[in-house]
C-alpha atoms as a PDB file:
ATOM      1  CA  UNK A   1      12.035 -13.938 -49.395  1.00  0.00           C
ATOM      2  CA  UNK A   2      14.843 -12.726 -47.483  1.00  0.00           C
ATOM      3  CA  UNK A   3      17.240 -15.386 -49.138  1.00  0.00           C
ATOM      4  CA  UNK A   4      16.257 -13.878 -52.592  1.00  0.00           C
ATOM      5  CA  UNK A   5      16.974 -10.429 -51.587  1.00  0.00           C
ATOM      6  CA  UNK A   6      20.476 -11.460 -50.366  1.00  0.00           C
ATOM      7  CA  UNK A   7      21.029 -13.509 -53.725  1.00  0.00           C
ATOM      8  CA  UNK A   8      19.946 -10.293 -55.588  1.00  0.00           C
ATOM      9  CA  UNK A   9      22.339  -8.169 -53.504  1.00  0.00           C
ATOM     10  CA  UNK A  10      25.168 -10.605 -54.014  1.00  0.00           C
ATOM     11  CA  UNK A  11      24.564 -10.520 -57.965  1.00  0.00           C
ATOM     12  CA  UNK A  12      24.391  -6.800 -57.918  1.00  0.00           C
ATOM     13  CA  UNK A  13      27.715  -6.569 -56.044  1.00  0.00           C
ATOM     14  CA  UNK A  14      29.332  -8.832 -58.511  1.00  0.00           C
ATOM     15  CA  UNK A  15      28.048  -7.010 -61.535  1.00  0.00           C
ATOM     16  CA  UNK A  16      29.360  -3.992 -59.947  1.00  0.00           C
ATOM     17  CA  UNK A  17      32.855  -5.598 -59.691  1.00  0.00           C
ATOM     18  CA  UNK A  18      32.731  -6.684 -63.303  1.00  0.00           C
ATOM     19  CA  UNK A  19      31.616  -3.214 -64.504  1.00  0.00           C
ATOM     20  CA  UNK A  20      34.638  -1.617 -62.651  1.00  0.00           C
ATOM     21  CA  UNK A  21      36.892  -4.166 -64.133  1.00  0.00           C
ATOM     22  CA  UNK A  22      35.758  -3.462 -67.645  1.00  0.00           C
ATOM     23  CA  UNK A  23      36.006   0.441 -66.974  1.00  0.00           C
ATOM     24  CA  UNK A  24      39.504  -0.160 -65.953  1.00  0.00           C
ATOM     25  CA  UNK A  25      40.258  -2.249 -69.139  1.00  0.00           C
ATOM     26  CA  UNK A  26      38.884   0.480 -71.376  1.00  0.00           C
ATOM     27  CA  UNK A  27      41.090   2.976 -69.449  1.00  0.00           C
ATOM     28  CA  UNK A  28      44.191   0.853 -69.855  1.00  0.00           C
ATOM     29  CA  UNK A  29      43.325   0.328 -73.503  1.00  0.00           C
ATOM     30  CA  UNK A  30      42.804   4.165 -74.025  1.00  0.00           C
ATOM     31  CA  UNK A  31      46.046   5.086 -72.398  1.00  0.00           C
ATOM     32  CA  UNK A  32      48.110   2.254 -74.330  1.00  0.00           C
ATOM     33  CA  UNK A  33      46.653   3.893 -77.572  1.00  0.00           C
ATOM     34  CA  UNK A  34      47.520   7.362 -76.576  1.00  0.00           C
ATOM     35  CA  UNK A  35      50.950   6.124 -75.814  1.00  0.00           C
ATOM     36  CA  UNK A  36      51.347   4.503 -79.308  1.00  0.00           C
ATOM     37  CA  UNK A  37      50.180   7.635 -80.812  1.00  0.00           C
ATOM     38  CA  UNK A  38      52.540   9.802 -79.092  1.00  0.00           C
ATOM     39  CA  UNK A  39      55.314   7.541 -80.112  1.00  0.00           C
ATOM     40  CA  UNK A  40      54.065   7.604 -83.692  1.00  0.00           C
ATOM     41  CA  UNK A  41      53.974  11.406 -83.725  1.00  0.00           C
ATOM     42  CA  UNK A  42      57.545  11.468 -82.234  1.00  0.00           C
ATOM     43  CA  UNK A  43      58.802   9.193 -84.894  1.00  0.00           C
ATOM     44  CA  UNK A  44      57.159  11.180 -87.652  1.00  0.00           C
ATOM     45  CA  UNK A  45      58.757  14.377 -86.173  1.00  0.00           C
ATOM     46  CA  UNK A  46      61.991  12.837 -86.219  1.00  0.00           C
ATOM     47  CA  UNK A  47      61.567  11.839 -89.761  1.00  0.00           C
ATOM     48  CA  UNK A  48      60.488  15.321 -90.817  1.00  0.00           C
ATOM     49  CA  UNK A  49      63.468  16.832 -88.918  1.00  0.00           C
ATOM     50  CA  UNK A  50      65.771  14.412 -90.862  1.00  0.00           C
ATOM     51  CA  UNK A  51      64.040  15.372 -94.148  1.00  0.00           C
ATOM     52  CA  UNK A  52      64.630  19.010 -93.328  1.00  0.00           C
ATOM     53  CA  UNK A  53      68.328  18.730 -92.600  1.00  0.00           C
ATOM     54  CA  UNK A  54      68.674  16.640 -95.920  1.00  0.00           C
ATOM     55  CA  UNK A  55      66.850  19.393 -97.865  1.00  0.00           C
ATOM     56  CA  UNK A  56      69.319  22.001 -96.311  1.00  0.00           C
ATOM     57  CA  UNK A  57      72.221  19.976 -97.151  1.00  0.00           C
ATOM     58  CA  UNK A  58      70.930  19.672-100.655  1.00  0.00           C
ATOM     59  CA  UNK A  59      70.117  23.358-100.987  1.00  0.00           C
ATOM     60  CA  UNK A  60      73.626  24.162 -99.742  1.00  0.00           C
ATOM     61  CA  UNK A  61      75.358  21.742-102.307  1.00  0.00           C
ATOM     62  CA  UNK A  62      73.188  23.262-105.283  1.00  0.00           C
ATOM     63  CA  UNK A  63      74.224  26.738-104.303  1.00  0.00           C
ATOM     64  CA  UNK A  64      77.839  25.783-103.978  1.00  0.00           C
ATOM     65  CA  UNK A  65      77.735  24.084-107.470  1.00  0.00           C
ATOM     66  CA  UNK A  66      75.884  27.016-109.026  1.00  0.00           C
ATOM     67  CA  UNK A  67      79.009  29.278-108.001  1.00  0.00           C
ATOM     68  CA  UNK A  68      81.385  26.803-109.486  1.00  0.00           C
ATOM     69  CA  UNK A  69      81.886  27.614-113.142  1.00  0.00           C
ATOM     70  CA  UNK A  70      84.102  24.542-113.702  1.00  0.00           C
ATOM     71  CA  UNK A  71      81.324  22.271-112.565  1.00  0.00           C
ATOM     72  CA  UNK A  72      79.801  20.969-115.763  1.00  0.00           C
ATOM     73  CA  UNK A  73      77.532  18.137-114.413  1.00  0.00           C
ATOM     74  CA  UNK A  74      75.344  20.828-112.618  1.00  0.00           C
ATOM     75  CA  UNK A  75      72.425  19.868-114.855  1.00  0.00           C
ATOM     76  CA  UNK A  76      72.670  16.287-113.792  1.00  0.00           C
ATOM     77  CA  UNK A  77      72.446  17.296-110.198  1.00  0.00           C
ATOM     78  CA  UNK A  78      69.243  19.465-110.856  1.00  0.00           C
ATOM     79  CA  UNK A  79      67.462  16.411-112.640  1.00  0.00           C
ATOM     80  CA  UNK A  80      67.971  14.382-109.467  1.00  0.00           C
ATOM     81  CA  UNK A  81      65.803  17.054-107.733  1.00  0.00           C
ATOM     82  CA  UNK A  82      62.911  16.847-110.269  1.00  0.00           C
ATOM     83  CA  UNK A  83      62.463  13.607-112.052  1.00  0.00           C
ATOM     84  CA  UNK A  84      61.820  13.682-115.769  1.00  0.00           C
ATOM     85  CA  UNK A  85      58.135  13.785-116.518  1.00  0.00           C
ATOM     86  CA  UNK A  86      56.447  11.550-118.905  1.00  0.00           C
ATOM     87  CA  UNK A  87      55.572  13.313-122.013  1.00  0.00           C
ATOM     88  CA  UNK A  88      52.942  12.645-124.725  1.00  0.00           C
ATOM     89  CA  UNK A  89      49.364  13.903-125.582  1.00  0.00           C
ATOM     90  CA  UNK A  90      48.047  16.635-123.294  1.00  0.00           C
ATOM     91  CA  UNK A  91      50.823  16.128-120.763  1.00  0.00           C
ATOM     92  CA  UNK A  92      53.503  16.608-123.414  1.00  0.00           C
ATOM     93  CA  UNK A  93      51.821  19.805-124.685  1.00  0.00           C
ATOM     94  CA  UNK A  94      51.741  21.277-121.033  1.00  0.00           C
ATOM     95  CA  UNK A  95      55.323  20.307-120.388  1.00  0.00           C
ATOM     96  CA  UNK A  96      56.731  21.818-123.600  1.00  0.00           C
ATOM     97  CA  UNK A  97      54.857  25.021-122.813  1.00  0.00           C
ATOM     98  CA  UNK A  98      56.123  25.217-119.129  1.00  0.00           C
ATOM     99  CA  UNK A  99      59.580  24.173-120.286  1.00  0.00           C
ATOM    100  CA  UNK A 100      59.739  27.414-122.304  1.00  0.00           C
ATOM    101  CA  UNK A 101      58.255  29.657-119.703  1.00  0.00           C
ATOM    102  CA  UNK A 102      59.933  28.470-116.431  1.00  0.00           C
ATOM    103  CA  UNK A 103      63.267  29.042-114.900  1.00  0.00           C
ATOM    104  CA  UNK A 104      65.121  27.842-111.829  1.00  0.00           C
ATOM    105  CA  UNK A 105      66.069  30.073-108.834  1.00  0.00           C
ATOM    106  CA  UNK A 106      67.876  29.181-105.674  1.00  0.00           C
ATOM    107  CA  UNK A 107      67.900  27.918-103.086  1.00  0.00           C
ATOM    108  CA  UNK A 108      66.012  24.561-104.334  1.00  0.00           C
ATOM    109  CA  UNK A 109      66.463  24.984-107.918  1.00  0.00           C
ATOM    110  CA  UNK A 110      62.920  23.727-108.698  1.00  0.00           C
ATOM    111  CA  UNK A 111      61.253  25.237-111.881  1.00  0.00           C
ATOM    112  CA  UNK A 112      59.159  28.250-111.196  1.00  0.00           C
ATOM    113  CA  UNK A 113      57.417  30.695-113.508  1.00  0.00           C
ATOM    114  CA  UNK A 114      59.818  33.341-114.959  1.00  0.00           C
ATOM    115  CA  UNK A 115      57.174  36.096-114.056  1.00  0.00           C
ATOM    116  CA  UNK A 116      57.776  35.412-110.449  1.00  0.00           C
ATOM    117  CA  UNK A 117      61.311  36.631-110.534  1.00  0.00           C
ATOM    118  CA  UNK A 118      59.678  40.044-111.460  1.00  0.00           C
ATOM    119  CA  UNK A 119      57.678  40.476-108.357  1.00  0.00           C
ATOM    120  CA  UNK A 120      58.881  37.906-105.799  1.00  0.00           C
ATOM    121  CA  UNK A 121      62.104  36.038-105.053  1.00  0.00           C
ATOM    122  CA  UNK A 122      62.785  33.146-102.761  1.00  0.00           C
ATOM    123  CA  UNK A 123      62.861  35.452 -99.581  1.00  0.00           C
ATOM    124  CA  UNK A 124      59.391  37.050-100.260  1.00  0.00           C
ATOM    125  CA  UNK A 125      60.569  40.518-101.397  1.00  0.00           C
ATOM    126  CA  UNK A 126      57.865  42.123-103.396  1.00  0.00           C
ATOM    127  CA  UNK A 127      57.794  44.884-106.030  1.00  0.00           C
ATOM    128  CA  UNK A 128      54.792  47.059-106.024  1.00  0.00           C
ATOM    129  CA  UNK A 129      54.383  47.423-109.867  1.00  0.00           C
ATOM    130  CA  UNK A 130      53.988  44.792-112.296  1.00  0.00           C
ATOM    131  CA  UNK A 131      54.011  45.322-116.041  1.00  0.00           C
ATOM    132  CA  UNK A 132      51.587  42.838-117.457  1.00  0.00           C
ATOM    133  CA  UNK A 133      52.254  43.718-121.107  1.00  0.00           C
ATOM    134  CA  UNK A 134      55.751  42.120-120.309  1.00  0.00           C
ATOM    135  CA  UNK A 135      53.900  38.562-120.275  1.00  0.00           C
ATOM    136  CA  UNK A 136      53.892  38.669-123.979  1.00  0.00           C
ATOM    137  CA  UNK A 137      57.640  38.339-124.010  1.00  0.00           C
ATOM    138  CA  UNK A 138      57.623  35.490-121.415  1.00  0.00           C
ATOM    139  CA  UNK A 139      54.614  33.384-122.289  1.00  0.00           C
ATOM    140  CA  UNK A 140      53.833  32.052-125.726  1.00  0.00           C
ATOM    141  CA  UNK A 141      50.249  32.649-126.452  1.00  0.00           C
ATOM    142  CA  UNK A 142      49.812  29.777-128.786  1.00  0.00           C
ATOM    143  CA  UNK A 143      46.788  27.653-129.630  1.00  0.00           C
ATOM    144  CA  UNK A 144      48.603  24.428-129.548  1.00  0.00           C
ATOM    145  CA  UNK A 145      46.661  21.340-130.747  1.00  0.00           C
ATOM    146  CA  UNK A 146      46.336  19.375-127.329  1.00  0.00           C
ATOM    147  CA  UNK A 147      43.957  16.819-128.676  1.00  0.00           C
ATOM    148  CA  UNK A 148      40.819  16.651-126.424  1.00  0.00           C
ATOM    149  CA  UNK A 149      42.301  19.577-124.394  1.00  0.00           C
ATOM    150  CA  UNK A 150      42.266  21.929-127.485  1.00  0.00           C
ATOM    151  CA  UNK A 151      41.119  25.453-127.173  1.00  0.00           C
ATOM    152  CA  UNK A 152      37.550  26.061-128.399  1.00  0.00           C
ATOM    153  CA  UNK A 153      38.283  29.511-129.853  1.00  0.00           C
ATOM    154  CA  UNK A 154      40.975  31.315-131.928  1.00  0.00           C
ATOM    155  CA  UNK A 155      43.641  33.048-129.977  1.00  0.00           C
ATOM    156  CA  UNK A 156      44.737  36.357-131.436  1.00  0.00           C
ATOM    157  CA  UNK A 157      46.593  39.298-130.419  1.00  0.00           C
ATOM    158  CA  UNK A 158      46.929  42.721-131.879  1.00  0.00           C
ATOM    159  CA  UNK A 159      49.861  44.624-130.469  1.00  0.00           C
ATOM    160  CA  UNK A 160      48.897  47.954-131.922  1.00  0.00           C
ATOM    161  CA  UNK A 161      45.296  47.608-130.793  1.00  0.00           C
ATOM    162  CA  UNK A 162      46.372  46.977-127.260  1.00  0.00           C
ATOM    163  CA  UNK A 163      48.415  50.075-127.072  1.00  0.00           C
ATOM    164  CA  UNK A 164      45.344  52.101-127.895  1.00  0.00           C
ATOM    165  CA  UNK A 165      43.273  50.593-125.156  1.00  0.00           C
ATOM    166  CA  UNK A 166      42.631  52.373-121.841  1.00  0.00           C
ATOM    167  CA  UNK A 167      45.270  51.165-119.018  1.00  0.00           C
ATOM    168  CA  UNK A 168      44.039  48.546-116.702  1.00  0.00           C
ATOM    169  CA  UNK A 169      45.187  48.922-113.135  1.00  0.00           C
ATOM    170  CA  UNK A 170      45.547  45.569-111.682  1.00  0.00           C
ATOM    171  CA  UNK A 171      46.076  45.083-107.881  1.00  0.00           C
ATOM    172  CA  UNK A 172      47.826  41.613-107.048  1.00  0.00           C
ATOM    173  CA  UNK A 173      47.533  40.149-103.631  1.00  0.00           C
ATOM    174  CA  UNK A 174      48.083  36.880-102.109  1.00  0.00           C
ATOM    175  CA  UNK A 175      45.301  34.351-101.732  1.00  0.00           C
ATOM    176  CA  UNK A 176      43.258  34.974 -98.657  1.00  0.00           C
ATOM    177  CA  UNK A 177      43.722  31.757 -96.897  1.00  0.00           C
ATOM    178  CA  UNK A 178      47.721  31.862 -97.703  1.00  0.00           C
ATOM    179  CA  UNK A 179      47.618  28.790 -99.907  1.00  0.00           C
ATOM    180  CA  UNK A 180      51.129  27.316 -99.683  1.00  0.00           C
ATOM    181  CA  UNK A 181      51.087  26.542-103.381  1.00  0.00           C
ATOM    182  CA  UNK A 182      50.122  29.853-105.043  1.00  0.00           C
ATOM    183  CA  UNK A 183      53.605  30.720-106.185  1.00  0.00           C
ATOM    184  CA  UNK A 184      54.738  27.225-106.889  1.00  0.00           C
ATOM    185  CA  UNK A 185      54.565  24.966-110.029  1.00  0.00           C
ATOM    186  CA  UNK A 186      52.914  21.609-110.145  1.00  0.00           C
ATOM    187  CA  UNK A 187      56.137  19.823-109.391  1.00  0.00           C
ATOM    188  CA  UNK A 188      57.449  22.158-106.833  1.00  0.00           C
ATOM    189  CA  UNK A 189      54.201  21.957-104.878  1.00  0.00           C
ATOM    190  CA  UNK A 190      54.252  18.085-105.156  1.00  0.00           C
ATOM    191  CA  UNK A 191      57.659  17.641-103.795  1.00  0.00           C
ATOM    192  CA  UNK A 192      57.241  20.272-100.966  1.00  0.00           C
ATOM    193  CA  UNK A 193      53.675  19.646 -99.853  1.00  0.00           C
ATOM    194  CA  UNK A 194      51.608  16.806-101.641  1.00  0.00           C
ATOM    195  CA  UNK A 195      54.131  14.035-101.499  1.00  0.00           C
ATOM    196  CA  UNK A 196      54.654  14.517 -97.631  1.00  0.00           C
ATOM    197  CA  UNK A 197      50.954  14.432 -97.182  1.00  0.00           C
ATOM    198  CA  UNK A 198      50.666  11.127 -99.074  1.00  0.00           C
ATOM    199  CA  UNK A 199      53.687   9.594 -97.396  1.00  0.00           C
ATOM    200  CA  UNK A 200      52.271  10.477 -94.071  1.00  0.00           C
ATOM    201  CA  UNK A 201      48.940   8.850 -95.043  1.00  0.00           C
ATOM    202  CA  UNK A 202      50.528   5.555 -95.703  1.00  0.00           C
ATOM    203  CA  UNK A 203      51.883   5.314 -92.088  1.00  0.00           C
ATOM    204  CA  UNK A 204      48.373   5.526 -90.602  1.00  0.00           C
ATOM    205  CA  UNK A 205      46.903   2.798 -92.755  1.00  0.00           C
ATOM    206  CA  UNK A 206      47.046  -0.999 -92.320  1.00  0.00           C
ATOM    207  CA  UNK A 207      46.792  -3.146 -89.265  1.00  0.00           C
ATOM    208  CA  UNK A 208      47.218  -0.522 -86.572  1.00  0.00           C
ATOM    209  CA  UNK A 209      44.361   1.748 -87.848  1.00  0.00           C
ATOM    210  CA  UNK A 210      42.023  -0.692 -89.676  1.00  0.00           C
ATOM    211  CA  UNK A 211      39.003   1.621 -89.220  1.00  0.00           C
ATOM    212  CA  UNK A 212      40.646   4.604 -90.965  1.00  0.00           C
ATOM    213  CA  UNK A 213      39.940   5.630 -94.562  1.00  0.00           C
ATOM    214  CA  UNK A 214      41.729   8.229 -96.715  1.00  0.00           C
ATOM    215  CA  UNK A 215      40.000  10.200 -99.254  1.00  0.00           C
ATOM    216  CA  UNK A 216      42.274  12.421-101.589  1.00  0.00           C
ATOM    217  CA  UNK A 217      40.665  14.571-104.381  1.00  0.00           C
ATOM    218  CA  UNK A 218      43.792  15.890-106.066  1.00  0.00           C
ATOM    219  CA  UNK A 219      44.376  13.180-108.525  1.00  0.00           C
ATOM    220  CA  UNK A 220      47.053  14.499-110.507  1.00  0.00           C
ATOM    221  CA  UNK A 221      49.391  14.624-107.447  1.00  0.00           C
ATOM    222  CA  UNK A 222      48.093  11.287-106.323  1.00  0.00           C
ATOM    223  CA  UNK A 223      49.113   9.832-109.801  1.00  0.00           C
ATOM    224  CA  UNK A 224      52.563  11.381-109.649  1.00  0.00           C
ATOM    225  CA  UNK A 225      53.003  10.000-106.128  1.00  0.00           C
ATOM    226  CA  UNK A 226      51.548   6.628-107.259  1.00  0.00           C
ATOM    227  CA  UNK A 227      54.012   6.038-109.879  1.00  0.00           C
ATOM    228  CA  UNK A 228      56.926   6.228-107.236  1.00  0.00           C
ATOM    229  CA  UNK A 229      55.466   3.663-104.877  1.00  0.00           C
ATOM    230  CA  UNK A 230      56.448  -0.032-104.252  1.00  0.00           C
ATOM    231  CA  UNK A 231      54.064  -2.921-104.881  1.00  0.00           C
ATOM    232  CA  UNK A 232      53.810  -3.284-101.091  1.00  0.00           C
ATOM    233  CA  UNK A 233      52.666   0.351-100.521  1.00  0.00           C
ATOM    234  CA  UNK A 234      50.168   0.276-103.414  1.00  0.00           C
ATOM    235  CA  UNK A 235      48.699  -2.909-101.820  1.00  0.00           C
ATOM    236  CA  UNK A 236      48.343  -1.404 -98.457  1.00  0.00           C
ATOM    237  CA  UNK A 237      46.660   1.722 -99.954  1.00  0.00           C
ATOM    238  CA  UNK A 238      44.342  -0.205-101.951  1.00  0.00           C
ATOM    239  CA  UNK A 239      43.302  -2.360 -99.040  1.00  0.00           C
END
């Protein structure tokens, strides 16, 4: 009986040593994983800083060119900032409407709504009064045939009748959760926000993080980003 007890004690002691060794292995793996994650974050920060420096240099160049009356190829430099979108069907109708109602403001020269210049500029100065009737001089209220996207009612506007209506006081405030895109166009928001998110997503997919999945709902931004990617990146995202 004593020999059985001694054997069980030896087995228990051996199991304790194995458990301790396994715990140490787990701790080592967790430490290594944390170190790799820290290196990845540091690398991404370096990339972000480099991107910020490049954007700042681009802004400075555009401002210099804008002030040079003899520089004729200025429009070509602007085209490099925002690629020409594909036109046709619904996209073409929307693009043509936006092209008539948008302008470009420094420092980044990206397209923004002309109305924004009346109440806010690139530095955040805000005017308290907005003349909403001025919208009719900026935005074309046309019922353009957009195919499946066509409006379901007739759009009319009587300038004399509107003058007779009671004045409506409208108080305009920013979105409650400070959405970074509330003053930006589709392309401007894509290049300043959505593109960076999707590029960062790719860095965390693949062999290093096999258990990770990425769910993205803004398909319009994703489609624009997808067209710019190589076959290698597309395969990585699909897998």
